[in-house]
């Protein structure tokens, strides 16, 4: 007998059956996927729910990674993915994803349920560098990532200093030090 995955998508069962099971209270939604109500809603389940987006060499990053780590209450509208400069990766579902090429090393991401996800430290640094607006929602996300990753603002500033030619480094430093002064 074949055992189904803990997180189900339309690749596992027809979407109508999954939606009916959700309406019956047997499943709950995890982004575009579904999970049994007696299973946890943790990083592994959230990572598994976007596995179909991360085929090949794509890595979940920024707001997608923040959601996977549990620092955001809901998934982003467009999943943010990255690929190493030499990876030559292409998204399987381009309409629901944003992909960029980055310089990233093996220590800056982990694999959860077969899905590469940037670490909380890399996620914080990227959000501080690239998030266009930086309001209370983003500050809360970064604060939650700090807590879940057992990190400090000093850890993030050290990571910024470790990399000499980062775009938006000054912006990130100002945002992170401002966040530290508010805490």
Protein backbone atom coordinates (compact mmCIF):
# COMPACT_ATOMS: atom_id res chain seq x y z
CA UNK A 1 0.00 0.00 0.00
CA UNK A 2 1.33 3.43 -0.95
CA UNK A 3 1.57 5.95 1.87
CA UNK A 4 0.67 9.57 1.08
CA UNK A 5 2.87 12.48 2.01
CA UNK A 6 2.10 14.44 5.20
CA UNK A 7 1.49 17.47 2.98
CA UNK A 8 -0.77 16.87 0.00
CA UNK A 9 -1.06 18.73 -3.27
CA UNK A 10 -3.08 18.27 -6.44
CA UNK A 11 -0.19 16.07 -7.61
CA UNK A 12 -1.14 13.56 -4.87
CA UNK A 13 -4.94 13.64 -5.02
CA UNK A 14 -7.49 15.49 -7.16
CA UNK A 15 -7.98 19.07 -5.99
CA UNK A 16 -11.73 18.49 -5.57
CA UNK A 17 -11.04 15.69 -3.07
CA UNK A 18 -8.55 17.81 -1.17
CA UNK A 19 -10.99 20.73 -0.98
CA UNK A 20 -13.80 18.43 0.14
CA UNK A 21 -11.60 16.97 2.88
CA UNK A 22 -10.78 20.51 3.98
CA UNK A 23 -14.48 21.41 4.11
CA UNK A 24 -15.11 18.21 6.11
CA UNK A 25 -12.50 19.33 8.65
CA UNK A 26 -10.04 16.55 7.86
CA UNK A 27 -7.38 18.79 6.26
CA UNK A 28 -6.17 22.37 6.68
CA UNK A 29 -4.55 24.59 4.09
CA UNK A 30 -0.80 25.12 3.96
CA UNK A 31 -0.35 27.65 1.13
CA UNK A 32 -1.45 25.73 -2.01
CA UNK A 33 -1.23 22.39 -0.22
CA UNK A 34 -3.16 20.57 2.50
CA UNK A 35 -2.21 18.72 5.68
CA UNK A 36 -4.17 16.49 8.10
CA UNK A 37 -5.59 18.46 11.02
CA UNK A 38 -3.69 16.30 13.52
CA UNK A 39 -0.31 17.14 11.98
CA UNK A 40 1.76 20.12 13.13
CA UNK A 41 2.04 23.36 11.18
CA UNK A 42 5.79 23.79 11.38
CA UNK A 43 8.70 24.72 9.14
CA UNK A 44 8.92 21.22 7.64
CA UNK A 45 5.26 21.24 6.58
CA UNK A 46 5.43 24.77 5.19
CA UNK A 47 8.61 23.92 3.26
CA UNK A 48 7.01 20.77 1.86
CA UNK A 49 3.99 22.79 0.70
CA UNK A 50 6.17 24.81 -1.70
CA UNK A 51 8.39 21.93 -2.83
CA UNK A 52 6.85 22.00 -6.31
CA UNK A 53 8.07 25.61 -6.71
CA UNK A 54 11.62 24.77 -5.61
CA UNK A 55 12.46 22.09 -8.13
CA UNK A 56 15.96 22.08 -9.47
CA UNK A 57 18.37 24.38 -7.73
CA UNK A 58 15.94 26.98 -6.40
CA UNK A 59 16.11 28.09 -2.76
CA UNK A 60 13.25 29.66 -0.79
CA UNK A 61 14.34 33.08 0.46
CA UNK A 62 13.20 36.39 1.91
CA UNK A 63 9.46 36.46 2.73
CA UNK A 64 8.94 32.85 1.65
CA UNK A 65 11.72 31.73 4.00
CA UNK A 66 10.33 33.97 6.77
CA UNK A 67 6.95 32.26 6.37
CA UNK A 68 8.55 28.81 6.38
CA UNK A 69 10.41 29.63 9.60
CA UNK A 70 7.12 30.79 11.14
CA UNK A 71 7.96 34.49 11.34
CA UNK A 72 5.10 35.48 9.02
CA UNK A 73 1.49 34.43 9.64
CA UNK A 74 0.72 33.77 5.97
CA UNK A 75 2.65 32.93 2.83
CA UNK A 76 3.55 35.71 0.41
CA UNK A 77 1.47 36.15 -2.73
CA UNK A 78 4.55 35.43 -4.85
CA UNK A 79 7.09 33.01 -3.46
CA UNK A 80 10.57 34.49 -3.44
CA UNK A 81 13.20 32.05 -4.65
CA UNK A 82 16.85 32.38 -5.50
CA UNK A 83 19.48 30.38 -7.32
CA UNK A 84 23.22 30.47 -7.07
CA UNK A 85 24.83 32.42 -9.91
CA UNK A 86 26.07 29.27 -11.62
CA UNK A 87 22.98 27.13 -11.00
CA UNK A 88 21.06 28.04 -14.16
CA UNK A 89 17.74 27.21 -12.50
CA UNK A 90 14.30 27.95 -13.88
CA UNK A 91 11.04 28.06 -11.89
CA UNK A 92 8.47 25.36 -12.60
CA UNK A 93 5.57 27.78 -11.89
CA UNK A 94 6.74 31.22 -13.06
CA UNK A 95 3.40 32.96 -12.44
CA UNK A 96 3.53 32.41 -8.67
CA UNK A 97 7.26 32.93 -8.09
CA UNK A 98 9.91 35.63 -8.17
CA UNK A 99 13.41 34.31 -8.85
CA UNK A 100 16.75 36.06 -8.65
CA UNK A 101 20.35 34.96 -8.97
CA UNK A 102 22.53 35.45 -5.90
CA UNK A 103 25.89 34.65 -4.42
CA UNK A 104 25.13 32.09 -1.72
CA UNK A 105 27.22 29.44 -0.03
CA UNK A 106 26.25 26.11 1.53
CA UNK A 107 26.18 27.54 5.07
CA UNK A 108 23.50 30.09 4.19
CA UNK A 109 20.69 27.61 3.58
CA UNK A 110 19.35 24.38 5.03
CA UNK A 111 17.23 21.68 3.45
CA UNK A 112 13.81 21.04 5.03
CA UNK A 113 11.79 18.18 3.57
CA UNK A 114 13.86 18.34 0.41
CA UNK A 115 13.38 22.11 0.03
CA UNK A 116 16.39 24.43 0.37
CA UNK A 117 15.54 27.42 2.60
CA UNK A 118 17.79 30.31 3.57
CA UNK A 119 18.78 30.28 7.24
CA UNK A 120 17.12 32.77 9.60
CA UNK A 121 20.34 34.85 9.57
CA UNK A 122 20.52 35.05 5.77
CA UNK A 123 16.77 35.72 5.64
CA UNK A 124 17.05 38.65 8.08
CA UNK A 125 19.97 40.19 6.20
CA UNK A 126 18.17 39.85 2.86
CA UNK A 127 14.91 41.32 4.18
CA UNK A 128 16.77 44.26 5.70
CA UNK A 129 18.61 44.84 2.42
CA UNK A 130 15.84 44.39 -0.14
CA UNK A 131 12.38 44.86 1.36
CA UNK A 132 11.07 48.02 -0.33
CA UNK A 133 8.98 49.13 2.59
CA UNK A 134 10.16 48.62 6.12
CA UNK A 135 7.24 49.19 8.42
CA UNK A 136 5.95 47.51 11.60
CA UNK A 137 5.10 44.29 9.73
CA UNK A 138 8.66 43.84 8.45
CA UNK A 139 10.09 44.80 11.85
CA UNK A 140 7.88 42.17 13.49
CA UNK A 141 8.98 39.57 10.95
CA UNK A 142 12.65 40.28 11.61
CA UNK A 143 12.11 40.30 15.38
CA UNK A 144 10.41 36.91 15.15
CA UNK A 145 13.22 35.52 12.97
CA UNK A 146 15.75 36.76 15.53
CA UNK A 147 13.84 34.96 18.27
CA UNK A 148 13.33 31.71 16.35
CA UNK A 149 16.94 31.65 15.13
CA UNK A 150 18.30 32.63 18.57
CA UNK A 151 20.12 35.53 16.93
CA UNK A 152 20.92 39.09 17.88
CA UNK A 153 21.14 42.29 15.88
CA UNK A 154 24.90 42.11 16.49
CA UNK A 155 24.97 38.72 14.70
CA UNK A 156 23.25 40.31 11.71
CA UNK A 157 25.60 43.30 11.64
CA UNK A 158 28.59 40.94 11.83
CA UNK A 159 27.19 39.03 8.86
CA UNK A 160 26.85 42.29 6.92
CA UNK A 161 30.46 43.18 7.72
CA UNK A 162 31.66 39.72 6.63
CA UNK A 163 30.55 40.38 3.05
CA UNK A 164 32.38 43.38 1.54
CA UNK A 165 30.37 44.16 -1.61
CA UNK A 166 26.72 43.71 -0.69
CA UNK A 167 24.13 45.86 -2.42
CA UNK A 168 21.97 47.90 0.00
CA UNK A 169 24.33 47.18 2.89
CA UNK A 170 23.99 50.69 4.29
CA UNK A 171 20.18 50.45 4.17
CA UNK A 172 20.28 47.14 6.04
CA UNK A 173 22.62 48.50 8.71
CA UNK A 174 20.37 51.52 9.30
CA UNK A 175 17.26 49.35 9.50
CA UNK A 176 18.81 46.81 11.85
CA UNK A 177 20.32 49.41 14.19
CA UNK A 178 17.00 51.26 14.18
CA UNK A 179 15.26 48.03 15.11
CA UNK A 180 17.76 47.47 17.93
CA UNK A 181 17.13 50.96 19.34
CA UNK A 182 13.33 50.36 19.34
CA UNK A 183 13.65 47.07 21.26
